[in-house]
PDB file of N, CA and C in Angstrom:
ATOM      1  N   UNK A   1      56.635 149.340 135.597  1.00  0.00           N
ATOM      2  CA  UNK A   1      57.481 149.005 136.725  1.00  0.00           C
ATOM      3  C   UNK A   1      56.577 148.763 137.927  1.00  0.00           C
ATOM      4  N   UNK A   2      56.921 147.779 138.723  1.00  0.00           N
ATOM      5  CA  UNK A   2      56.146 147.397 139.886  1.00  0.00           C
ATOM      6  C   UNK A   2      56.948 147.676 141.151  1.00  0.00           C
ATOM      7  N   UNK A   3      56.256 148.023 142.214  1.00  0.00           N
ATOM      8  CA  UNK A   3      56.899 148.270 143.496  1.00  0.00           C
ATOM      9  C   UNK A   3      56.532 147.142 144.449  1.00  0.00           C
ATOM     10  N   UNK A   4      57.517 146.634 145.178  1.00  0.00           N
ATOM     11  CA  UNK A   4      57.281 145.582 146.161  1.00  0.00           C
ATOM     12  C   UNK A   4      57.863 146.012 147.498  1.00  0.00           C
ATOM     13  N   UNK A   5      57.412 145.355 148.564  1.00  0.00           N
ATOM     14  CA  UNK A   5      57.895 145.645 149.909  1.00  0.00           C
ATOM     15  C   UNK A   5      58.650 144.432 150.430  1.00  0.00           C
ATOM     16  N   UNK A   6      59.762 144.686 151.075  1.00  0.00           N
ATOM     17  CA  UNK A   6      60.538 143.609 151.695  1.00  0.00           C
ATOM     18  C   UNK A   6      59.951 143.364 153.083  1.00  0.00           C
ATOM     19  N   UNK A   7      59.585 142.112 153.359  1.00  0.00           N
ATOM     20  CA  UNK A   7      58.977 141.761 154.643  1.00  0.00           C
ATOM     21  C   UNK A   7      60.036 141.730 155.747  1.00  0.00           C
ATOM     22  N   UNK A   8      59.613 141.657 157.017  1.00  0.00           N
ATOM     23  CA  UNK A   8      60.582 141.547 158.110  1.00  0.00           C
ATOM     24  C   UNK A   8      61.484 140.309 157.996  1.00  0.00           C
ATOM     25  N   UNK A   9      61.020 139.291 157.262  1.00  0.00           N
ATOM     26  CA  UNK A   9      61.829 138.089 157.038  1.00  0.00           C
ATOM     27  C   UNK A   9      62.631 138.199 155.742  1.00  0.00           C
ATOM     28  N   UNK A  10      62.703 139.406 155.165  1.00  0.00           N
ATOM     29  CA  UNK A  10      63.416 139.675 153.913  1.00  0.00           C
ATOM     30  C   UNK A  10      62.832 138.902 152.739  1.00  0.00           C
ATOM     31  N   UNK A  11      61.529 138.712 152.727  1.00  0.00           N
ATOM     32  CA  UNK A  11      60.844 138.048 151.618  1.00  0.00           C
ATOM     33  C   UNK A  11      60.204 139.097 150.718  1.00  0.00           C
ATOM     34  N   UNK A  12      60.104 138.762 149.432  1.00  0.00           N
ATOM     35  CA  UNK A  12      59.502 139.651 148.441  1.00  0.00           C
ATOM     36  C   UNK A  12      58.508 138.844 147.624  1.00  0.00           C
ATOM     37  N   UNK A  13      57.345 139.429 147.322  1.00  0.00           N
ATOM     38  CA  UNK A  13      56.361 138.786 146.451  1.00  0.00           C
ATOM     39  C   UNK A  13      56.552 139.336 145.046  1.00  0.00           C
ATOM     40  N   UNK A  14      56.731 138.441 144.080  1.00  0.00           N
ATOM     41  CA  UNK A  14      56.872 138.859 142.685  1.00  0.00           C
ATOM     42  C   UNK A  14      55.476 139.168 142.165  1.00  0.00           C
ATOM     43  N   UNK A  15      55.248 140.378 141.643  1.00  0.00           N
ATOM     44  CA  UNK A  15      53.908 140.755 141.171  1.00  0.00           C
ATOM     45  C   UNK A  15      53.386 139.801 140.099  1.00  0.00           C
ATOM     46  N   UNK A  16      52.076 139.589 140.101  1.00  0.00           N
ATOM     47  CA  UNK A  16      51.442 138.635 139.192  1.00  0.00           C
ATOM     48  C   UNK A  16      51.742 138.909 137.713  1.00  0.00           C
ATOM     49  N   UNK A  17      51.693 140.170 137.242  1.00  0.00           N
ATOM     50  CA  UNK A  17      52.012 140.394 135.819  1.00  0.00           C
ATOM     51  C   UNK A  17      53.436 139.955 135.456  1.00  0.00           C
ATOM     52  N   UNK A  18      54.365 140.127 136.383  1.00  0.00           N
ATOM     53  CA  UNK A  18      55.755 139.711 136.134  1.00  0.00           C
ATOM     54  C   UNK A  18      55.839 138.188 136.121  1.00  0.00           C
ATOM     55  N   UNK A  19      55.172 137.536 137.078  1.00  0.00           N
ATOM     56  CA  UNK A  19      55.167 136.056 137.114  1.00  0.00           C
ATOM     57  C   UNK A  19      54.598 135.490 135.830  1.00  0.00           C
ATOM     58  N   UNK A  20      53.499 136.069 135.350  1.00  0.00           N
ATOM     59  CA  UNK A  20      52.872 135.564 134.121  1.00  0.00           C
ATOM     60  C   UNK A  20      53.770 135.800 132.912  1.00  0.00           C
ATOM     61  N   UNK A  21      54.358 136.998 132.817  1.00  0.00           N
ATOM     62  CA  UNK A  21      55.222 137.323 131.675  1.00  0.00           C
ATOM     63  C   UNK A  21      56.443 136.415 131.623  1.00  0.00           C
ATOM     64  N   UNK A  22      56.984 136.034 132.789  1.00  0.00           N
ATOM     65  CA  UNK A  22      58.179 135.190 132.857  1.00  0.00           C
ATOM     66  C   UNK A  22      57.849 133.705 132.913  1.00  0.00           C
ATOM     67  N   UNK A  23      56.581 133.369 133.075  1.00  0.00           N
ATOM     68  CA  UNK A  23      56.196 131.959 133.157  1.00  0.00           C
ATOM     69  C   UNK A  23      56.671 131.295 134.436  1.00  0.00           C
ATOM     70  N   UNK A  24      56.729 132.049 135.533  1.00  0.00           N
ATOM     71  CA  UNK A  24      57.193 131.501 136.810  1.00  0.00           C
ATOM     72  C   UNK A  24      56.086 130.706 137.496  1.00  0.00           C
ATOM     73  N   UNK A  25      56.485 129.646 138.186  1.00  0.00           N
ATOM     74  CA  UNK A  25      55.538 128.798 138.922  1.00  0.00           C
ATOM     75  C   UNK A  25      56.009 128.663 140.361  1.00  0.00           C
ATOM     76  N   UNK A  26      55.078 128.351 141.219  1.00  0.00           N
ATOM     77  CA  UNK A  26      55.398 128.136 142.629  1.00  0.00           C
ATOM     78  C   UNK A  26      56.378 126.975 142.766  1.00  0.00           C
ATOM     79  N   UNK A  27      57.394 127.142 143.587  1.00  0.00           N
ATOM     80  CA  UNK A  27      58.372 126.087 143.817  1.00  0.00           C
ATOM     81  C   UNK A  27      59.498 126.047 142.815  1.00  0.00           C
ATOM     82  N   UNK A  28      59.466 126.922 141.827  1.00  0.00           N
ATOM     83  CA  UNK A  28      60.519 126.939 140.803  1.00  0.00           C
ATOM     84  C   UNK A  28      61.841 127.413 141.418  1.00  0.00           C
ATOM     85  N   UNK A  29      62.945 126.846 140.955  1.00  0.00           N
ATOM     86  CA  UNK A  29      64.277 127.186 141.452  1.00  0.00           C
ATOM     87  C   UNK A  29      64.829 128.355 140.639  1.00  0.00           C
ATOM     88  N   UNK A  30      65.447 129.330 141.332  1.00  0.00           N
ATOM     89  CA  UNK A  30      66.043 130.473 140.658  1.00  0.00           C
ATOM     90  C   UNK A  30      67.413 130.775 141.248  1.00  0.00           C
ATOM     91  N   UNK A  31      68.216 131.499 140.493  1.00  0.00           N
ATOM     92  CA  UNK A  31      69.450 132.093 141.013  1.00  0.00           C
ATOM     93  C   UNK A  31      69.108 133.523 141.360  1.00  0.00           C
ATOM     94  N   UNK A  32      69.735 134.061 142.380  1.00  0.00           N
ATOM     95  CA  UNK A  32      69.592 135.470 142.702  1.00  0.00           C
ATOM     96  C   UNK A  32      70.993 136.050 142.864  1.00  0.00           C
ATOM     97  N   UNK A  33      71.247 137.149 142.163  1.00  0.00           N
ATOM     98  CA  UNK A  33      72.575 137.754 142.195  1.00  0.00           C
ATOM     99  C   UNK A  33      72.451 139.264 142.386  1.00  0.00           C
ATOM    100  N   UNK A  34      73.479 139.850 142.957  1.00  0.00           N
ATOM    101  CA  UNK A  34      73.563 141.309 142.987  1.00  0.00           C
ATOM    102  C   UNK A  34      74.477 141.717 141.842  1.00  0.00           C
ATOM    103  N   UNK A  35      74.042 142.684 141.059  1.00  0.00           N
ATOM    104  CA  UNK A  35      74.767 143.085 139.865  1.00  0.00           C
ATOM    105  C   UNK A  35      74.590 144.581 139.667  1.00  0.00           C
ATOM    106  N   UNK A  36      75.693 145.318 139.727  1.00  0.00           N
ATOM    107  CA  UNK A  36      75.668 146.763 139.491  1.00  0.00           C
ATOM    108  C   UNK A  36      74.592 147.471 140.317  1.00  0.00           C
ATOM    109  N   UNK A  37      74.618 147.228 141.613  1.00  0.00           N
ATOM    110  CA  UNK A  37      73.723 147.892 142.554  1.00  0.00           C
ATOM    111  C   UNK A  37      72.246 147.541 142.341  1.00  0.00           C
ATOM    112  N   UNK A  38      71.972 146.329 141.857  1.00  0.00           N
ATOM    113  CA  UNK A  38      70.587 145.869 141.722  1.00  0.00           C
ATOM    114  C   UNK A  38      70.539 144.374 141.997  1.00  0.00           C
ATOM    115  N   UNK A  39      69.346 143.857 142.193  1.00  0.00           N
ATOM    116  CA  UNK A  39      69.142 142.429 142.438  1.00  0.00           C
ATOM    117  C   UNK A  39      68.504 141.820 141.200  1.00  0.00           C
ATOM    118  N   UNK A  40      69.042 140.699 140.745  1.00  0.00           N
ATOM    119  CA  UNK A  40      68.479 140.004 139.590  1.00  0.00           C
ATOM    120  C   UNK A  40      68.100 138.593 139.994  1.00  0.00           C
ATOM    121  N   UNK A  41      66.897 138.183 139.588  1.00  0.00           N
ATOM    122  CA  UNK A  41      66.399 136.829 139.832  1.00  0.00           C
ATOM    123  C   UNK A  41      66.354 136.121 138.486  1.00  0.00           C
ATOM    124  N   UNK A  42      67.086 135.020 138.387  1.00  0.00           N
ATOM    125  CA  UNK A  42      67.212 134.308 137.121  1.00  0.00           C
ATOM    126  C   UNK A  42      66.640 132.899 137.283  1.00  0.00           C
ATOM    127  N   UNK A  43      65.510 132.597 136.617  1.00  0.00           N
ATOM    128  CA  UNK A  43      64.941 131.254 136.735  1.00  0.00           C
ATOM    129  C   UNK A  43      65.846 130.211 136.079  1.00  0.00           C
ATOM    130  N   UNK A  44      65.994 129.077 136.741  1.00  0.00           N
ATOM    131  CA  UNK A  44      66.741 127.959 136.168  1.00  0.00           C
ATOM    132  C   UNK A  44      65.777 127.158 135.303  1.00  0.00           C
ATOM    133  N   UNK A  45      66.092 127.048 134.041  1.00  0.00           N
ATOM    134  CA  UNK A  45      65.225 126.335 133.104  1.00  0.00           C
ATOM    135  C   UNK A  45      65.915 125.066 132.627  1.00  0.00           C
ATOM    136  N   UNK A  46      65.120 124.044 132.409  1.00  0.00           N
ATOM    137  CA  UNK A  46      65.632 122.820 131.811  1.00  0.00           C
ATOM    138  C   UNK A  46      66.008 123.145 130.369  1.00  0.00           C
ATOM    139  N   UNK A  47      67.117 122.649 129.909  1.00  0.00           N
ATOM    140  CA  UNK A  47      67.607 122.962 128.563  1.00  0.00           C
ATOM    141  C   UNK A  47      66.568 122.594 127.502  1.00  0.00           C
ATOM    142  N   UNK A  48      65.760 121.586 127.757  1.00  0.00           N
ATOM    143  CA  UNK A  48      64.727 121.188 126.790  1.00  0.00           C
ATOM    144  C   UNK A  48      63.655 122.275 126.635  1.00  0.00           C
ATOM    145  N   UNK A  49      63.410 123.045 127.688  1.00  0.00           N
ATOM    146  CA  UNK A  49      62.417 124.111 127.616  1.00  0.00           C
ATOM    147  C   UNK A  49      62.886 125.270 126.744  1.00  0.00           C
ATOM    148  N   UNK A  50      64.195 125.383 126.525  1.00  0.00           N
ATOM    149  CA  UNK A  50      64.738 126.483 125.743  1.00  0.00           C
ATOM    150  C   UNK A  50      64.772 126.191 124.246  1.00  0.00           C
ATOM    151  N   UNK A  51      64.370 125.001 123.843  1.00  0.00           N
ATOM    152  CA  UNK A  51      64.387 124.653 122.429  1.00  0.00           C
ATOM    153  C   UNK A  51      63.499 125.611 121.644  1.00  0.00           C
ATOM    154  N   UNK A  52      64.053 126.185 120.587  1.00  0.00           N
ATOM    155  CA  UNK A  52      63.319 127.121 119.756  1.00  0.00           C
ATOM    156  C   UNK A  52      63.297 128.539 120.301  1.00  0.00           C
ATOM    157  N   UNK A  53      63.969 128.778 121.416  1.00  0.00           N
ATOM    158  CA  UNK A  53      63.967 130.083 122.065  1.00  0.00           C
ATOM    159  C   UNK A  53      64.489 131.187 121.141  1.00  0.00           C
ATOM    160  N   UNK A  54      65.498 130.876 120.337  1.00  0.00           N
ATOM    161  CA  UNK A  54      66.107 131.869 119.459  1.00  0.00           C
ATOM    162  C   UNK A  54      65.642 131.743 118.009  1.00  0.00           C
ATOM    163  N   UNK A  55      64.568 131.019 117.789  1.00  0.00           N
ATOM    164  CA  UNK A  55      64.068 130.820 116.437  1.00  0.00           C
ATOM    165  C   UNK A  55      63.729 132.174 115.809  1.00  0.00           C
ATOM    166  N   UNK A  56      64.231 132.390 114.604  1.00  0.00           N
ATOM    167  CA  UNK A  56      63.951 133.617 113.878  1.00  0.00           C
ATOM    168  C   UNK A  56      64.901 134.762 114.181  1.00  0.00           C
ATOM    169  N   UNK A  57      65.897 134.540 115.037  1.00  0.00           N
ATOM    170  CA  UNK A  57      66.832 135.606 115.367  1.00  0.00           C
ATOM    171  C   UNK A  57      67.748 135.872 114.171  1.00  0.00           C
ATOM    172  N   UNK A  58      68.048 137.141 113.937  1.00  0.00           N
ATOM    173  CA  UNK A  58      68.930 137.522 112.835  1.00  0.00           C
ATOM    174  C   UNK A  58      70.375 137.335 113.286  1.00  0.00           C
ATOM    175  N   UNK A  59      71.087 136.405 112.682  1.00  0.00           N
ATOM    176  CA  UNK A  59      72.460 136.104 113.084  1.00  0.00           C
ATOM    177  C   UNK A  59      73.488 136.711 112.129  1.00  0.00           C
ATOM    178  N   UNK A  60      73.021 137.515 111.180  1.00  0.00           N
ATOM    179  CA  UNK A  60      73.968 138.120 110.237  1.00  0.00           C
ATOM    180  C   UNK A  60      74.595 139.363 110.864  1.00  0.00           C
ATOM    181  N   UNK A  61      75.882 139.537 110.610  1.00  0.00           N
ATOM    182  CA  UNK A  61      76.587 140.719 111.094  1.00  0.00           C
ATOM    183  C   UNK A  61      77.825 140.914 110.220  1.00  0.00           C
ATOM    184  N   UNK A  62      78.380 142.107 110.243  1.00  0.00           N
ATOM    185  CA  UNK A  62      79.557 142.422 109.445  1.00  0.00           C
ATOM    186  C   UNK A  62      80.796 142.106 110.277  1.00  0.00           C
ATOM    187  N   UNK A  63      81.667 141.275 109.725  1.00  0.00           N
ATOM    188  CA  UNK A  63      82.901 140.920 110.418  1.00  0.00           C
ATOM    189  C   UNK A  63      83.977 141.971 110.144  1.00  0.00           C
ATOM    190  N   UNK A  64      84.798 142.210 111.148  1.00  0.00           N
ATOM    191  CA  UNK A  64      85.933 143.106 110.971  1.00  0.00           C
ATOM    192  C   UNK A  64      87.004 142.397 110.151  1.00  0.00           C
ATOM    193  N   UNK A  65      87.807 143.185 109.449  1.00  0.00           N
ATOM    194  CA  UNK A  65      88.908 142.605 108.677  1.00  0.00           C
ATOM    195  C   UNK A  65      90.002 142.130 109.606  1.00  0.00           C
ATOM    196  N   UNK A  66      90.918 141.319 109.069  1.00  0.00           N
ATOM    197  CA  UNK A  66      92.052 140.846 109.870  1.00  0.00           C
ATOM    198  C   UNK A  66      92.927 142.015 110.279  1.00  0.00           C
ATOM    199  N   UNK A  67      93.487 141.933 111.460  1.00  0.00           N
ATOM    200  CA  UNK A  67      94.386 142.980 111.932  1.00  0.00           C
ATOM    201  C   UNK A  67      95.778 142.739 111.383  1.00  0.00           C
ATOM    202  N   UNK A  68      96.466 143.808 111.065  1.00  0.00           N
ATOM    203  CA  UNK A  68      97.803 143.681 110.501  1.00  0.00           C
ATOM    204  C   UNK A  68      98.869 143.668 111.561  1.00  0.00           C
TER     205      UNK A  68
END
């Protein structure tokens, strides 16, 4: 976990290990939302960049029976 400081202009610097792990670049567009008493930053990705993102995911699961 990383600690950051909010500047007088309410700016925050994303720590370098987090930027590298998320593949963030300068000038990239993100959404920012408040959710359950926390702040989340969600990078907007081009749909083409997500190709193969779920490759190898296990999609098998047990279905419930029909309800009577």
